[in-house]
Amino acid sequence: MIIVVVCAAVFYWYRQQGHDVLPESVPLANVAYEGVPTVNDPPLQKKLDGPVPQIRAGRYTITPLASFQAAARVLGSKHYRLDREADLSPVDLALGWGPMADQVVLDNLLITQSGRFYHWRTEDFPIPRREIETNSANMHFIPASPAVEKQLKEIREGDRVRFKGYLVRIEADDGWRWVSSMTRNDTGSGACELILVDDIARL
């Protein structure tokens, strides 16, 4: 039996007093979809054309790092309320694209989520290990509005979704930091995408 931890963020067992949330409306420069992404396509990440304002949310400062959009199969959805990250990111989605959106492949994998981790395991590799690692990821979603948060929380395993927004870095007044991965080729701690999402919908 092979067990692989694909991605993890630092997990807090203790949540500080208070609850910080994004402003009712986040002042984002709108990210336009490029073409019609499908679950067969890898996520599209682009360098920012110009400066994007930092966003202040309670004790946190959010800095956009790159625009980001994707269409993917939802391999798992996990809601969080008690860790510090939930101040801004209430939902993680484990996502697959390309071969990791294929039901034949997924039938041979057991996928779970917990503690901001995404795990997969298999007794018989349906595709090479590296294809599993580079065509799936656990992503932490920061909704840019209450409407986006509502849509995000309605997404379930098996859905096909399309979304866009920014990969971001978060810095807290007490020195705590949470930074997005900037590549799909990494694994392990720190390999998750941290996304300020301004649009998400089922396909």
N, C-alpha and C. Protein backbone atom coordinates (compact mmCIF):
# COMPACT_ATOMS: atom_id res chain seq x y z
N MET A 1 0.85 -1.19 0.00
CA MET A 1 0.00 0.00 0.00
C MET A 1 0.89 1.24 0.00
N ILE A 2 0.64 2.17 -0.90
CA ILE A 2 1.45 3.38 -1.00
C ILE A 2 0.60 4.57 -0.61
N ILE A 3 1.10 5.39 0.30
CA ILE A 3 0.39 6.59 0.74
C ILE A 3 1.27 7.79 0.44
N VAL A 4 0.71 8.80 -0.20
CA VAL A 4 1.46 10.00 -0.55
C VAL A 4 0.75 11.22 -0.04
N VAL A 5 1.47 12.10 0.63
CA VAL A 5 0.93 13.40 1.00
C VAL A 5 1.28 14.35 -0.13
N VAL A 6 0.26 14.83 -0.84
CA VAL A 6 0.50 15.67 -2.00
C VAL A 6 0.79 17.10 -1.58
N CYS A 7 0.10 17.58 -0.56
CA CYS A 7 0.24 18.98 -0.25
C CYS A 7 -0.25 19.26 1.15
N ALA A 8 0.41 20.17 1.86
CA ALA A 8 -0.05 20.55 3.19
C ALA A 8 0.35 21.97 3.48
N ALA A 9 -0.48 22.64 4.23
CA ALA A 9 -0.13 23.94 4.77
C ALA A 9 0.08 23.77 6.26
N VAL A 10 0.71 24.74 6.90
CA VAL A 10 0.89 24.67 8.34
C VAL A 10 -0.48 24.66 9.00
N PHE A 11 -0.73 23.68 9.88
CA PHE A 11 -2.04 23.51 10.51
C PHE A 11 -1.99 23.94 11.96
N TYR A 12 -2.93 24.79 12.36
CA TYR A 12 -2.98 25.27 13.73
C TYR A 12 -4.05 24.53 14.50
N TRP A 13 -3.68 23.95 15.66
CA TRP A 13 -4.64 23.26 16.51
C TRP A 13 -5.36 24.26 17.42
N TYR A 14 -4.78 25.43 17.52
CA TYR A 14 -5.35 26.46 18.38
C TYR A 14 -5.70 27.66 17.55
N ARG A 15 -6.91 28.14 17.66
CA ARG A 15 -7.33 29.30 16.92
C ARG A 15 -7.36 30.51 17.83
N GLN A 16 -6.76 31.61 17.43
CA GLN A 16 -6.69 32.79 18.25
C GLN A 16 -8.07 33.41 18.40
N GLN A 17 -8.19 34.24 19.40
CA GLN A 17 -9.46 34.91 19.65
C GLN A 17 -9.78 35.84 18.47
N GLY A 18 -11.05 35.98 18.20
CA GLY A 18 -11.48 36.88 17.13
C GLY A 18 -11.62 36.15 15.81
N HIS A 19 -12.31 36.78 14.87
CA HIS A 19 -12.52 36.17 13.56
C HIS A 19 -12.42 37.27 12.52
N ASP A 20 -11.40 37.21 11.69
CA ASP A 20 -11.18 38.22 10.66
C ASP A 20 -11.73 37.71 9.34
N VAL A 21 -12.43 38.56 8.62
CA VAL A 21 -12.99 38.19 7.33
C VAL A 21 -12.63 39.26 6.32
N LEU A 22 -12.75 38.91 5.06
CA LEU A 22 -12.51 39.89 4.01
C LEU A 22 -13.57 40.98 4.04
N PRO A 23 -13.22 42.16 3.52
CA PRO A 23 -14.25 43.19 3.37
C PRO A 23 -15.40 42.67 2.51
N GLU A 24 -16.53 43.34 2.62
CA GLU A 24 -17.71 42.91 1.87
C GLU A 24 -17.42 42.82 0.38
N SER A 25 -16.59 43.71 -0.12
CA SER A 25 -16.21 43.68 -1.53
C SER A 25 -14.72 43.92 -1.65
N VAL A 26 -13.99 42.99 -2.23
CA VAL A 26 -12.55 43.11 -2.37
C VAL A 26 -12.22 43.88 -3.64
N PRO A 27 -11.39 44.95 -3.55
CA PRO A 27 -11.09 45.76 -4.73
C PRO A 27 -10.09 45.09 -5.66
N LEU A 28 -10.58 44.17 -6.49
CA LEU A 28 -9.72 43.42 -7.40
C LEU A 28 -9.83 43.95 -8.82
N ALA A 29 -8.69 43.96 -9.52
CA ALA A 29 -8.75 44.14 -10.96
C ALA A 29 -9.27 42.83 -11.54
N ASN A 30 -10.31 42.89 -12.34
CA ASN A 30 -10.95 41.68 -12.80
C ASN A 30 -10.03 40.84 -13.69
N VAL A 31 -9.95 39.55 -13.40
CA VAL A 31 -9.18 38.61 -14.23
C VAL A 31 -10.14 38.01 -15.25
N ALA A 32 -9.84 38.18 -16.53
CA ALA A 32 -10.71 37.65 -17.57
C ALA A 32 -10.32 36.22 -17.90
N TYR A 33 -11.32 35.36 -18.15
CA TYR A 33 -11.02 34.02 -18.62
C TYR A 33 -10.39 34.10 -20.00
N GLU A 34 -9.39 33.28 -20.23
CA GLU A 34 -8.75 33.21 -21.54
C GLU A 34 -9.27 31.97 -22.24
N GLY A 35 -10.13 32.17 -23.23
CA GLY A 35 -10.75 31.03 -23.90
C GLY A 35 -11.74 30.34 -22.97
N VAL A 36 -12.00 29.09 -23.26
CA VAL A 36 -12.92 28.29 -22.45
C VAL A 36 -12.12 27.12 -21.88
N PRO A 37 -11.62 27.26 -20.64
CA PRO A 37 -10.82 26.16 -20.08
C PRO A 37 -11.66 24.92 -19.87
N THR A 38 -11.05 23.76 -20.07
CA THR A 38 -11.71 22.49 -19.82
C THR A 38 -10.88 21.69 -18.83
N VAL A 39 -11.46 20.63 -18.28
CA VAL A 39 -10.74 19.82 -17.30
C VAL A 39 -9.57 19.07 -17.93
N ASN A 40 -9.47 19.08 -19.25
CA ASN A 40 -8.32 18.45 -19.92
C ASN A 40 -7.10 19.36 -19.97
N ASP A 41 -7.31 20.65 -19.65
CA ASP A 41 -6.24 21.64 -19.72
C ASP A 41 -5.61 21.86 -18.35
N PRO A 42 -4.30 22.11 -18.29
CA PRO A 42 -3.68 22.46 -17.02
C PRO A 42 -4.09 23.87 -16.59
N PRO A 43 -3.99 24.20 -15.31
CA PRO A 43 -4.28 25.57 -14.87
C PRO A 43 -3.39 26.57 -15.58
N LEU A 44 -3.92 27.78 -15.74
CA LEU A 44 -3.20 28.85 -16.41
C LEU A 44 -2.78 29.91 -15.38
N GLN A 45 -1.49 30.10 -15.25
CA GLN A 45 -0.94 31.10 -14.33
C GLN A 45 -0.20 32.14 -15.15
N LYS A 46 -0.43 33.43 -14.84
CA LYS A 46 0.22 34.48 -15.61
C LYS A 46 0.80 35.54 -14.68
N LYS A 47 1.97 36.03 -15.06
CA LYS A 47 2.59 37.14 -14.34
C LYS A 47 1.70 38.36 -14.43
N LEU A 48 1.61 39.11 -13.36
CA LEU A 48 0.76 40.30 -13.35
C LEU A 48 1.34 41.35 -14.29
N ASP A 49 0.46 41.98 -15.09
CA ASP A 49 0.89 43.00 -16.04
C ASP A 49 1.34 44.28 -15.34
N GLY A 50 0.77 44.55 -14.20
CA GLY A 50 1.09 45.76 -13.45
C GLY A 50 0.82 45.53 -11.99
N PRO A 51 1.07 46.52 -11.16
CA PRO A 51 0.85 46.36 -9.72
C PRO A 51 -0.63 46.18 -9.40
N VAL A 52 -0.91 45.25 -8.50
CA VAL A 52 -2.26 45.04 -8.00
C VAL A 52 -2.26 45.43 -6.53
N PRO A 53 -3.20 46.25 -6.08
CA PRO A 53 -3.16 46.73 -4.70
C PRO A 53 -3.22 45.59 -3.69
N GLN A 54 -2.48 45.75 -2.60
CA GLN A 54 -2.63 44.84 -1.48
C GLN A 54 -4.01 45.03 -0.85
N ILE A 55 -4.48 43.98 -0.20
CA ILE A 55 -5.82 44.00 0.40
C ILE A 55 -5.65 43.82 1.90
N ARG A 56 -6.25 44.70 2.65
CA ARG A 56 -6.19 44.62 4.10
C ARG A 56 -7.47 43.99 4.62
N ALA A 57 -7.35 42.92 5.41
CA ALA A 57 -8.50 42.20 5.97
C ALA A 57 -8.22 41.93 7.44
N GLY A 58 -8.76 42.78 8.32
CA GLY A 58 -8.51 42.62 9.74
C GLY A 58 -7.03 42.71 10.03
N ARG A 59 -6.46 41.67 10.64
CA ARG A 59 -5.03 41.65 10.98
C ARG A 59 -4.16 41.12 9.86
N TYR A 60 -4.73 40.89 8.68
CA TYR A 60 -4.01 40.27 7.57
C TYR A 60 -3.83 41.24 6.40
N THR A 61 -2.70 41.11 5.70
CA THR A 61 -2.46 41.80 4.44
C THR A 61 -2.31 40.75 3.35
N ILE A 62 -3.10 40.88 2.28
CA ILE A 62 -3.09 39.92 1.18
C ILE A 62 -2.44 40.57 -0.03
N THR A 63 -1.41 39.91 -0.57
CA THR A 63 -0.69 40.43 -1.73
C THR A 63 -0.85 39.50 -2.91
N PRO A 64 -1.49 39.94 -4.01
CA PRO A 64 -1.58 39.11 -5.21
C PRO A 64 -0.19 38.88 -5.83
N LEU A 65 0.07 37.64 -6.27
CA LEU A 65 1.36 37.26 -6.84
C LEU A 65 1.27 36.96 -8.33
N ALA A 66 0.14 36.41 -8.79
CA ALA A 66 -0.04 36.06 -10.20
C ALA A 66 -1.52 35.82 -10.42
N SER A 67 -1.99 36.06 -11.64
CA SER A 67 -3.36 35.67 -11.96
C SER A 67 -3.40 34.16 -12.18
N PHE A 68 -4.58 33.56 -11.94
CA PHE A 68 -4.68 32.11 -11.96
C PHE A 68 -6.09 31.72 -12.35
N GLN A 69 -6.20 30.76 -13.26
CA GLN A 69 -7.52 30.25 -13.64
C GLN A 69 -7.40 28.79 -14.05
N ALA A 70 -8.50 28.07 -13.87
CA ALA A 70 -8.46 26.64 -14.17
C ALA A 70 -9.87 26.09 -14.30
N ALA A 71 -9.97 24.95 -14.96
CA ALA A 71 -11.15 24.09 -14.90
C ALA A 71 -10.65 22.74 -14.41
N ALA A 72 -11.41 22.10 -13.53
CA ALA A 72 -10.90 20.87 -12.92
C ALA A 72 -12.04 20.01 -12.40
N ARG A 73 -11.73 18.75 -12.17
CA ARG A 73 -12.63 17.80 -11.50
C ARG A 73 -12.37 17.91 -9.99
N VAL A 74 -13.44 17.98 -9.22
CA VAL A 74 -13.30 18.06 -7.77
C VAL A 74 -13.11 16.66 -7.21
N LEU A 75 -11.93 16.41 -6.66
CA LEU A 75 -11.60 15.11 -6.07
C LEU A 75 -12.00 15.04 -4.61
N GLY A 76 -12.19 16.20 -4.00
CA GLY A 76 -12.62 16.26 -2.61
C GLY A 76 -12.85 17.71 -2.21
N SER A 77 -13.78 17.91 -1.27
CA SER A 77 -14.06 19.24 -0.73
C SER A 77 -14.06 19.14 0.78
N LYS A 78 -13.33 20.04 1.43
CA LYS A 78 -13.22 20.02 2.88
C LYS A 78 -13.42 21.42 3.44
N HIS A 79 -14.37 21.55 4.39
CA HIS A 79 -14.65 22.83 5.02
C HIS A 79 -13.91 22.92 6.35
N TYR A 80 -13.38 24.11 6.64
CA TYR A 80 -12.63 24.34 7.88
C TYR A 80 -13.22 25.51 8.65
N ARG A 81 -13.25 25.37 9.97
CA ARG A 81 -13.78 26.44 10.83
C ARG A 81 -12.87 26.77 12.00
N LEU A 82 -12.03 25.83 12.44
CA LEU A 82 -11.35 25.98 13.72
C LEU A 82 -9.85 26.28 13.62
N ASP A 83 -9.27 26.22 12.43
CA ASP A 83 -7.86 26.57 12.30
C ASP A 83 -7.73 28.05 11.95
N ARG A 84 -6.54 28.58 12.14
CA ARG A 84 -6.33 30.00 11.87
C ARG A 84 -6.57 30.34 10.41
N GLU A 85 -6.19 29.44 9.52
CA GLU A 85 -6.38 29.68 8.10
C GLU A 85 -7.84 29.92 7.73
N ALA A 86 -8.76 29.38 8.53
CA ALA A 86 -10.19 29.53 8.24
C ALA A 86 -10.66 30.96 8.42
N ASP A 87 -9.86 31.81 9.06
CA ASP A 87 -10.20 33.23 9.11
C ASP A 87 -10.44 33.78 7.70
N LEU A 88 -9.68 33.27 6.74
CA LEU A 88 -9.76 33.75 5.36
C LEU A 88 -10.16 32.68 4.37
N SER A 89 -9.75 31.44 4.62
CA SER A 89 -9.99 30.35 3.66
C SER A 89 -10.82 29.25 4.32
N PRO A 90 -12.13 29.27 4.11
CA PRO A 90 -12.99 28.29 4.76
C PRO A 90 -13.09 26.95 4.04
N VAL A 91 -12.59 26.87 2.80
CA VAL A 91 -12.77 25.65 1.99
C VAL A 91 -11.47 25.31 1.26
N ASP A 92 -11.10 24.04 1.30
CA ASP A 92 -10.07 23.47 0.43
C ASP A 92 -10.74 22.57 -0.59
N LEU A 93 -10.30 22.66 -1.83
CA LEU A 93 -10.72 21.72 -2.86
C LEU A 93 -9.50 20.95 -3.35
N ALA A 94 -9.59 19.63 -3.34
CA ALA A 94 -8.60 18.79 -4.03
C ALA A 94 -9.08 18.68 -5.47
N LEU A 95 -8.24 19.06 -6.41
CA LEU A 95 -8.65 19.18 -7.81
C LEU A 95 -7.75 18.34 -8.71
N GLY A 96 -8.35 17.83 -9.80
CA GLY A 96 -7.61 17.08 -10.79
C GLY A 96 -7.95 17.56 -12.19
N TRP A 97 -6.97 17.54 -13.06
CA TRP A 97 -7.16 17.92 -14.46
C TRP A 97 -6.39 16.93 -15.33
N GLY A 98 -6.60 17.00 -16.64
CA GLY A 98 -5.94 16.04 -17.52
C GLY A 98 -6.29 14.62 -17.11
N PRO A 99 -5.30 13.71 -16.97
CA PRO A 99 -5.60 12.32 -16.61
C PRO A 99 -6.25 12.19 -15.23
N MET A 100 -6.03 13.18 -14.35
CA MET A 100 -6.62 13.10 -13.02
C MET A 100 -8.07 13.59 -12.98
N ALA A 101 -8.64 13.86 -14.14
CA ALA A 101 -10.07 14.11 -14.25
C ALA A 101 -10.80 12.92 -14.85
N ASP A 102 -10.05 11.86 -15.17
CA ASP A 102 -10.58 10.66 -15.82
C ASP A 102 -11.12 9.69 -14.75
N GLN A 103 -12.38 9.32 -14.86
CA GLN A 103 -12.99 8.45 -13.86
C GLN A 103 -12.30 7.09 -13.79
N VAL A 104 -11.81 6.60 -14.91
CA VAL A 104 -11.11 5.31 -14.91
C VAL A 104 -9.88 5.38 -14.01
N VAL A 105 -9.16 6.48 -14.09
CA VAL A 105 -7.99 6.69 -13.22
C VAL A 105 -8.42 6.82 -11.77
N LEU A 106 -9.43 7.64 -11.52
CA LEU A 106 -9.86 7.91 -10.15
C LEU A 106 -10.42 6.68 -9.46
N ASP A 107 -10.97 5.76 -10.23
CA ASP A 107 -11.51 4.52 -9.64
C ASP A 107 -10.41 3.68 -8.98
N ASN A 108 -9.16 3.94 -9.33
CA ASN A 108 -8.04 3.18 -8.77
C ASN A 108 -7.32 3.93 -7.65
N LEU A 109 -7.86 5.07 -7.23
CA LEU A 109 -7.23 5.88 -6.19
C LEU A 109 -8.19 6.10 -5.04
N LEU A 110 -7.67 6.09 -3.83
CA LEU A 110 -8.42 6.50 -2.65
C LEU A 110 -7.92 7.88 -2.26
N ILE A 111 -8.82 8.86 -2.24
CA ILE A 111 -8.45 10.25 -2.00
C ILE A 111 -9.12 10.74 -0.73
N THR A 112 -8.34 11.38 0.16
CA THR A 112 -8.88 11.93 1.40
C THR A 112 -8.27 13.31 1.65
N GLN A 113 -8.93 14.06 2.53
CA GLN A 113 -8.45 15.37 2.96
C GLN A 113 -8.61 15.49 4.47
N SER A 114 -7.63 16.14 5.11
CA SER A 114 -7.76 16.48 6.52
C SER A 114 -6.62 17.41 6.91
N GLY A 115 -6.90 18.31 7.86
CA GLY A 115 -5.86 19.17 8.37
C GLY A 115 -5.12 19.97 7.31
N ARG A 116 -5.81 20.39 6.25
CA ARG A 116 -5.24 21.12 5.13
C ARG A 116 -4.29 20.25 4.29
N PHE A 117 -4.43 18.95 4.41
CA PHE A 117 -3.67 18.00 3.60
C PHE A 117 -4.59 17.36 2.55
N TYR A 118 -4.00 16.98 1.42
CA TYR A 118 -4.67 16.14 0.43
C TYR A 118 -3.81 14.89 0.28
N HIS A 119 -4.42 13.72 0.44
CA HIS A 119 -3.70 12.45 0.35
C HIS A 119 -4.31 11.60 -0.77
N TRP A 120 -3.47 10.83 -1.43
CA TRP A 120 -3.98 9.78 -2.30
C TRP A 120 -3.21 8.51 -2.00
N ARG A 121 -3.85 7.38 -2.27
CA ARG A 121 -3.16 6.11 -2.13
C ARG A 121 -3.73 5.11 -3.15
N THR A 122 -2.89 4.15 -3.49
CA THR A 122 -3.30 3.17 -4.49
C THR A 122 -2.51 1.88 -4.29
N GLU A 123 -3.08 0.78 -4.68
CA GLU A 123 -2.38 -0.50 -4.70
C GLU A 123 -1.96 -0.88 -6.11
N ASP A 124 -2.45 -0.13 -7.09
CA ASP A 124 -2.15 -0.46 -8.49
C ASP A 124 -2.18 0.85 -9.29
N PHE A 125 -1.02 1.41 -9.60
CA PHE A 125 -0.95 2.71 -10.25
C PHE A 125 -1.68 2.68 -11.60
N PRO A 126 -2.74 3.49 -11.77
CA PRO A 126 -3.43 3.55 -13.05
C PRO A 126 -2.65 4.38 -14.07
N ILE A 127 -1.85 5.33 -13.59
CA ILE A 127 -0.95 6.15 -14.41
C ILE A 127 0.33 6.33 -13.58
N PRO A 128 1.41 6.78 -14.19
CA PRO A 128 2.64 6.97 -13.41
C PRO A 128 2.45 7.94 -12.25
N ARG A 129 3.21 7.71 -11.15
CA ARG A 129 3.11 8.55 -9.97
C ARG A 129 3.25 10.03 -10.31
N ARG A 130 4.23 10.37 -11.15
CA ARG A 130 4.48 11.78 -11.45
C ARG A 130 3.30 12.43 -12.15
N GLU A 131 2.56 11.68 -12.94
CA GLU A 131 1.37 12.24 -13.59
C GLU A 131 0.28 12.53 -12.57
N ILE A 132 0.17 11.69 -11.55
CA ILE A 132 -0.78 11.96 -10.47
C ILE A 132 -0.38 13.24 -9.75
N GLU A 133 0.91 13.37 -9.44
CA GLU A 133 1.39 14.52 -8.67
C GLU A 133 1.27 15.83 -9.42
N THR A 134 1.50 15.83 -10.73
CA THR A 134 1.53 17.08 -11.48
C THR A 134 0.19 17.43 -12.12
N ASN A 135 -0.79 16.55 -11.99
CA ASN A 135 -2.12 16.83 -12.55
C ASN A 135 -3.20 16.88 -11.47
N SER A 136 -2.79 17.10 -10.24
CA SER A 136 -3.73 17.27 -9.14
C SER A 136 -3.10 18.13 -8.07
N ALA A 137 -3.92 18.75 -7.25
CA ALA A 137 -3.41 19.61 -6.18
C ALA A 137 -4.50 19.88 -5.18
N ASN A 138 -4.09 20.17 -3.97
CA ASN A 138 -4.99 20.69 -2.95
C ASN A 138 -4.89 22.21 -2.99
N MET A 139 -6.00 22.89 -3.10
CA MET A 139 -5.99 24.35 -3.22
C MET A 139 -6.84 24.97 -2.13
N HIS A 140 -6.27 26.01 -1.48
CA HIS A 140 -6.95 26.75 -0.43
C HIS A 140 -7.63 27.96 -1.08
N PHE A 141 -8.95 28.09 -0.88
CA PHE A 141 -9.71 29.15 -1.54
C PHE A 141 -10.11 30.25 -0.56
N ILE A 142 -9.80 31.49 -0.95
CA ILE A 142 -10.22 32.67 -0.21
C ILE A 142 -11.29 33.36 -1.05
N PRO A 143 -12.56 33.31 -0.66
CA PRO A 143 -13.60 33.93 -1.47
C PRO A 143 -13.51 35.46 -1.41
N ALA A 144 -13.65 36.10 -2.57
CA ALA A 144 -13.54 37.56 -2.65
C ALA A 144 -14.84 38.27 -2.32
N SER A 145 -15.92 37.52 -2.12
CA SER A 145 -17.21 38.13 -1.79
C SER A 145 -18.09 37.08 -1.13
N PRO A 146 -19.15 37.50 -0.43
CA PRO A 146 -20.08 36.52 0.14
C PRO A 146 -20.73 35.64 -0.92
N ALA A 147 -21.00 36.19 -2.10
CA ALA A 147 -21.61 35.38 -3.17
C ALA A 147 -20.67 34.27 -3.62
N VAL A 148 -19.37 34.58 -3.75
CA VAL A 148 -18.40 33.56 -4.13
C VAL A 148 -18.26 32.53 -3.02
N GLU A 149 -18.29 32.97 -1.77
CA GLU A 149 -18.20 32.02 -0.65
C GLU A 149 -19.37 31.04 -0.67
N LYS A 150 -20.56 31.54 -0.96
CA LYS A 150 -21.74 30.67 -1.03
C LYS A 150 -21.58 29.64 -2.13
N GLN A 151 -21.13 30.07 -3.31
CA GLN A 151 -20.91 29.13 -4.42
C GLN A 151 -19.85 28.10 -4.05
N LEU A 152 -18.78 28.56 -3.43
CA LEU A 152 -17.68 27.68 -3.06
C LEU A 152 -18.13 26.59 -2.10
N LYS A 153 -18.95 26.95 -1.13
CA LYS A 153 -19.38 25.99 -0.13
C LYS A 153 -20.41 24.99 -0.66
N GLU A 154 -20.97 25.27 -1.83
CA GLU A 154 -21.93 24.35 -2.44
C GLU A 154 -21.27 23.29 -3.32
N ILE A 155 -19.99 23.43 -3.59
CA ILE A 155 -19.27 22.51 -4.48
C ILE A 155 -19.00 21.20 -3.75
N ARG A 156 -19.17 20.10 -4.47
CA ARG A 156 -19.01 18.77 -3.88
C ARG A 156 -18.09 17.90 -4.74
N GLU A 157 -17.60 16.84 -4.14
CA GLU A 157 -16.79 15.86 -4.85
C GLU A 157 -17.51 15.37 -6.11
N GLY A 158 -16.79 15.28 -7.20
CA GLY A 158 -17.36 14.83 -8.46
C GLY A 158 -17.78 15.97 -9.37
N ASP A 159 -17.95 17.18 -8.82
CA ASP A 159 -18.30 18.33 -9.65
C ASP A 159 -17.13 18.69 -10.57
N ARG A 160 -17.47 19.32 -11.66
CA ARG A 160 -16.47 19.94 -12.53
C ARG A 160 -16.65 21.44 -12.40
N VAL A 161 -15.56 22.15 -12.09
CA VAL A 161 -15.67 23.58 -11.80
C VAL A 161 -14.71 24.39 -12.66
N ARG A 162 -15.04 25.65 -12.79
CA ARG A 162 -14.17 26.63 -13.44
C ARG A 162 -14.03 27.80 -12.47
N PHE A 163 -12.81 28.33 -12.34
CA PHE A 163 -12.63 29.45 -11.41
C PHE A 163 -11.47 30.33 -11.89
N LYS A 164 -11.42 31.54 -11.33
CA LYS A 164 -10.33 32.48 -11.64
C LYS A 164 -10.10 33.39 -10.45
N GLY A 165 -8.90 33.94 -10.41
CA GLY A 165 -8.55 34.85 -9.33
C GLY A 165 -7.05 35.07 -9.29
N TYR A 166 -6.49 35.13 -8.07
CA TYR A 166 -5.07 35.40 -7.89
C TYR A 166 -4.44 34.40 -6.93
N LEU A 167 -3.22 33.97 -7.23
CA LEU A 167 -2.38 33.34 -6.22
C LEU A 167 -1.86 34.45 -5.32
N VAL A 168 -1.83 34.19 -4.01
CA VAL A 168 -1.54 35.29 -3.08
C VAL A 168 -0.55 34.88 -1.98
N ARG A 169 -0.03 35.92 -1.33
CA ARG A 169 0.73 35.78 -0.09
C ARG A 169 -0.04 36.52 1.00
N ILE A 170 -0.13 35.89 2.17
CA ILE A 170 -0.81 36.51 3.32
C ILE A 170 0.21 36.72 4.42
N GLU A 171 0.19 37.93 5.00
CA GLU A 171 1.04 38.25 6.13
C GLU A 171 0.19 38.84 7.24
N ALA A 172 0.38 38.34 8.46
CA ALA A 172 -0.39 38.81 9.60
C ALA A 172 0.44 39.80 10.42
N ASP A 173 -0.25 40.61 11.21
CA ASP A 173 0.44 41.61 12.03
C ASP A 173 1.39 40.98 13.03
N ASP A 174 1.13 39.73 13.44
CA ASP A 174 2.00 39.07 14.42
C ASP A 174 3.15 38.29 13.79
N GLY A 175 3.32 38.42 12.46
CA GLY A 175 4.43 37.77 11.78
C GLY A 175 4.09 36.46 11.09
N TRP A 176 2.90 35.95 11.30
CA TRP A 176 2.47 34.71 10.64
C TRP A 176 2.34 34.94 9.14
N ARG A 177 2.76 33.95 8.34
CA ARG A 177 2.70 34.06 6.89
C ARG A 177 2.11 32.80 6.28
N TRP A 178 1.44 32.98 5.14
CA TRP A 178 0.89 31.86 4.38
C TRP A 178 1.08 32.22 2.92
N VAL A 179 1.82 31.41 2.17
CA VAL A 179 2.22 31.79 0.81
C VAL A 179 1.85 30.68 -0.17
N SER A 180 1.30 31.09 -1.29
CA SER A 180 0.92 30.12 -2.33
C SER A 180 2.12 29.50 -3.02
N SER A 181 1.97 28.26 -3.41
CA SER A 181 2.90 27.66 -4.37
C SER A 181 2.75 28.40 -5.70
N MET A 182 3.83 28.46 -6.45
CA MET A 182 3.80 29.12 -7.75
C MET A 182 4.07 28.14 -8.89
N THR A 183 3.98 26.85 -8.61
CA THR A 183 4.20 25.83 -9.63
C THR A 183 3.31 24.63 -9.36
N ARG A 184 3.02 23.87 -10.40
CA ARG A 184 2.24 22.64 -10.23
C ARG A 184 3.13 21.42 -10.09
N ASN A 185 4.42 21.61 -10.07
CA ASN A 185 5.35 20.48 -10.07
C ASN A 185 5.86 20.11 -8.69
N ASP A 186 5.47 20.85 -7.66
CA ASP A 186 5.98 20.57 -6.33
C ASP A 186 5.02 19.66 -5.57
N THR A 187 5.53 19.04 -4.52
CA THR A 187 4.72 18.19 -3.65
C THR A 187 5.14 18.44 -2.21
N GLY A 188 4.31 17.98 -1.27
CA GLY A 188 4.66 18.10 0.13
C GLY A 188 4.27 19.43 0.72
N SER A 189 4.80 19.73 1.91
CA SER A 189 4.44 20.94 2.63
C SER A 189 4.78 22.18 1.82
N GLY A 190 3.83 23.10 1.75
CA GLY A 190 4.03 24.33 1.00
C GLY A 190 3.70 24.25 -0.46
N ALA A 191 3.22 23.12 -0.94
CA ALA A 191 2.96 22.94 -2.37
C ALA A 191 1.55 23.30 -2.78
N CYS A 192 0.73 23.74 -1.85
CA CYS A 192 -0.66 24.08 -2.18
C CYS A 192 -0.76 25.47 -2.81
N GLU A 193 -1.75 25.64 -3.65
CA GLU A 193 -2.09 26.95 -4.18
C GLU A 193 -3.02 27.66 -3.18
N LEU A 194 -2.74 28.91 -2.92
CA LEU A 194 -3.56 29.77 -2.06
C LEU A 194 -4.18 30.81 -2.97
N ILE A 195 -5.50 30.73 -3.17
CA ILE A 195 -6.16 31.47 -4.25
C ILE A 195 -7.21 32.42 -3.69
N LEU A 196 -7.07 33.69 -4.02
CA LEU A 196 -8.14 34.66 -3.80
C LEU A 196 -9.02 34.57 -5.03
N VAL A 197 -10.18 33.97 -4.88
CA VAL A 197 -11.02 33.63 -6.04
C VAL A 197 -12.15 34.63 -6.19
N ASP A 198 -12.30 35.19 -7.40
CA ASP A 198 -13.37 36.16 -7.62
C ASP A 198 -14.51 35.60 -8.48
N ASP A 199 -14.35 34.34 -8.93
CA ASP A 199 -15.44 33.70 -9.67
C ASP A 199 -15.22 32.19 -9.63
N ILE A 200 -16.26 31.45 -9.31
CA ILE A 200 -16.20 29.99 -9.34
C ILE A 200 -17.59 29.46 -9.66
N ALA A 201 -17.66 28.47 -10.52
CA ALA A 201 -18.95 27.93 -10.93
C ALA A 201 -18.80 26.50 -11.38
N ARG A 202 -19.86 25.72 -11.23
CA ARG A 202 -19.88 24.37 -11.77
C ARG A 202 -19.99 24.43 -13.29
N LEU A 203 -19.32 23.51 -13.96
CA LEU A 203 -19.44 23.42 -15.42
C LEU A 203 -20.65 22.57 -15.78
